[in-house]
Amino acid sequence: MTLDFPTSQRIDIQLLNSGGEILTKWSENHAFTQEGGTLLINPREQIIYDETIATRELQPGKVYAVEVFFPKYPELRVRQKFMTAP
């Protein structure tokens, strides 16, 4: 699979509340250049991005979701729900 990117941004991460509202967006705290690039993923290979996102908006005992995606490729998106510790 070949993915082309118009800027240096490859992924984005969003923290959402139980209603689907965005609380925090990873890309808001990062600067990206206009330098494009191409990512080639061969069969049985994987790409790992080791990133973090601010969690100060979280409250104990509530359900949230984190969503990770390639902004240029909306079909390549994953969302995982979780509950914070009480």
C-alpha atoms as a PDB file:
ATOM      1  CA  MET A   1       0.000   0.000   0.000  1.00  0.00           C
ATOM      2  CA  THR A   2       1.316   3.435  -0.902  1.00  0.00           C
ATOM      3  CA  LEU A   3       0.165   6.526   0.987  1.00  0.00           C
ATOM      4  CA  ASP A   4       1.030  10.027  -0.249  1.00  0.00           C
ATOM      5  CA  PHE A   5       1.001  13.023   2.094  1.00  0.00           C
ATOM      6  CA  PRO A   6       0.931  16.728   1.121  1.00  0.00           C
ATOM      7  CA  THR A   7       2.624  17.878   4.375  1.00  0.00           C
ATOM      8  CA  SER A   8       4.863  16.408   7.074  1.00  0.00           C
ATOM      9  CA  GLN A   9       1.757  15.355   9.043  1.00  0.00           C
ATOM     10  CA  ARG A  10       1.059  11.651   8.752  1.00  0.00           C
ATOM     11  CA  ILE A  11      -1.466  10.893  11.496  1.00  0.00           C
ATOM     12  CA  ASP A  12      -3.842  12.649  13.847  1.00  0.00           C
ATOM     13  CA  ILE A  13      -5.261  11.566  17.200  1.00  0.00           C
ATOM     14  CA  GLN A  14      -8.460  12.777  18.818  1.00  0.00           C
ATOM     15  CA  LEU A  15      -9.799  12.315  22.330  1.00  0.00           C
ATOM     16  CA  LEU A  16     -13.610  12.292  22.346  1.00  0.00           C
ATOM     17  CA  ASN A  17     -16.233  12.335  25.083  1.00  0.00           C
ATOM     18  CA  SER A  18     -19.122   9.839  25.163  1.00  0.00           C
ATOM     19  CA  GLY A  19     -21.184  12.132  22.920  1.00  0.00           C
ATOM     20  CA  GLY A  20     -18.500  12.119  20.218  1.00  0.00           C
ATOM     21  CA  GLU A  21     -17.343  15.691  20.853  1.00  0.00           C
ATOM     22  CA  ILE A  22     -13.622  16.309  20.374  1.00  0.00           C
ATOM     23  CA  LEU A  23     -11.904  17.232  23.654  1.00  0.00           C
ATOM     24  CA  THR A  24      -8.297  17.230  22.467  1.00  0.00           C
ATOM     25  CA  LYS A  25      -6.668  16.924  19.070  1.00  0.00           C
ATOM     26  CA  TRP A  26      -3.018  15.845  18.799  1.00  0.00           C
ATOM     27  CA  SER A  27      -2.304  17.998  15.720  1.00  0.00           C
ATOM     28  CA  GLU A  28      -3.199  21.219  17.571  1.00  0.00           C
ATOM     29  CA  ASN A  29       0.086  20.991  19.515  1.00  0.00           C
ATOM     30  CA  HIS A  30       2.345  20.216  16.552  1.00  0.00           C
ATOM     31  CA  ALA A  31       3.774  22.199  13.682  1.00  0.00           C
ATOM     32  CA  PHE A  32       3.897  20.657  10.219  1.00  0.00           C
ATOM     33  CA  THR A  33       5.904  21.698   7.191  1.00  0.00           C
ATOM     34  CA  GLN A  34       4.684  21.810   3.601  1.00  0.00           C
ATOM     35  CA  GLU A  35       7.121  19.018   2.817  1.00  0.00           C
ATOM     36  CA  GLY A  36       5.159  16.103   1.408  1.00  0.00           C
ATOM     37  CA  GLY A  37       6.131  12.485   1.444  1.00  0.00           C
ATOM     38  CA  THR A  38       5.220   8.927   0.576  1.00  0.00           C
ATOM     39  CA  LEU A  39       4.796   5.981   2.921  1.00  0.00           C
ATOM     40  CA  LEU A  40       5.083   2.475   1.490  1.00  0.00           C
ATOM     41  CA  ILE A  41       3.674  -0.385   3.590  1.00  0.00           C
ATOM     42  CA  ASN A  42       4.556  -3.853   2.353  1.00  0.00           C
ATOM     43  CA  PRO A  43       2.404  -6.943   3.005  1.00  0.00           C
ATOM     44  CA  ARG A  44       2.742  -8.270   6.573  1.00  0.00           C
ATOM     45  CA  GLU A  45       4.514  -5.067   7.663  1.00  0.00           C
ATOM     46  CA  GLN A  46       3.218  -2.473  10.067  1.00  0.00           C
ATOM     47  CA  ILE A  47       3.888   1.168  10.853  1.00  0.00           C
ATOM     48  CA  ILE A  48       4.069   2.207  14.499  1.00  0.00           C
ATOM     49  CA  TYR A  49       3.642   5.803  15.681  1.00  0.00           C
ATOM     50  CA  ASP A  50       4.616   6.356  19.313  1.00  0.00           C
ATOM     51  CA  GLU A  51       2.647   9.491  20.228  1.00  0.00           C
ATOM     52  CA  THR A  52       0.801  10.818  23.272  1.00  0.00           C
ATOM     53  CA  ILE A  53      -2.204  13.075  23.741  1.00  0.00           C
ATOM     54  CA  ALA A  54      -3.190  15.298  26.677  1.00  0.00           C
ATOM     55  CA  THR A  55      -5.698  13.700  29.035  1.00  0.00           C
ATOM     56  CA  ARG A  56      -6.358  16.612  31.413  1.00  0.00           C
ATOM     57  CA  GLU A  57      -9.985  16.812  30.208  1.00  0.00           C
ATOM     58  CA  LEU A  58     -10.771  13.300  31.494  1.00  0.00           C
ATOM     59  CA  GLN A  59     -12.965  12.742  34.537  1.00  0.00           C
ATOM     60  CA  PRO A  60     -12.977   9.558  36.661  1.00  0.00           C
ATOM     61  CA  GLY A  61     -15.564   6.870  35.874  1.00  0.00           C
ATOM     62  CA  LYS A  62     -16.579   8.239  32.452  1.00  0.00           C
ATOM     63  CA  VAL A  63     -16.503   6.707  28.981  1.00  0.00           C
ATOM     64  CA  TYR A  64     -14.266   8.273  26.345  1.00  0.00           C
ATOM     65  CA  ALA A  65     -12.878   7.290  22.967  1.00  0.00           C
ATOM     66  CA  VAL A  66      -9.574   7.796  21.242  1.00  0.00           C
ATOM     67  CA  GLU A  67      -9.515   7.955  17.465  1.00  0.00           C
ATOM     68  CA  VAL A  68      -6.394   7.636  15.305  1.00  0.00           C
ATOM     69  CA  PHE A  69      -6.421   8.322  11.590  1.00  0.00           C
ATOM     70  CA  PHE A  70      -4.544   9.496   8.523  1.00  0.00           C
ATOM     71  CA  PRO A  71      -6.121  12.905   7.712  1.00  0.00           C
ATOM     72  CA  LYS A  72      -5.791  12.403   3.942  1.00  0.00           C
ATOM     73  CA  TYR A  73      -7.224   8.871   4.120  1.00  0.00           C
ATOM     74  CA  PRO A  74     -10.488   8.953   6.138  1.00  0.00           C
ATOM     75  CA  GLU A  75     -11.092   5.244   5.433  1.00  0.00           C
ATOM     76  CA  LEU A  76      -7.971   4.399   7.481  1.00  0.00           C
ATOM     77  CA  ARG A  77      -9.400   5.245  10.891  1.00  0.00           C
ATOM     78  CA  VAL A  78      -9.705   3.358  14.163  1.00  0.00           C
ATOM     79  CA  ARG A  79     -11.675   4.303  17.303  1.00  0.00           C
ATOM     80  CA  GLN A  80     -11.344   2.656  20.707  1.00  0.00           C
ATOM     81  CA  LYS A  81     -13.696   3.337  23.635  1.00  0.00           C
ATOM     82  CA  PHE A  82     -12.453   3.155  27.225  1.00  0.00           C
ATOM     83  CA  MET A  83     -13.551   4.026  30.744  1.00  0.00           C
ATOM     84  CA  THR A  84     -11.389   5.972  33.153  1.00  0.00           C
ATOM     85  CA  ALA A  85     -10.700   4.564  36.622  1.00  0.00           C
ATOM     86  CA  PRO A  86     -13.127   5.771  39.333  1.00  0.00           C
END
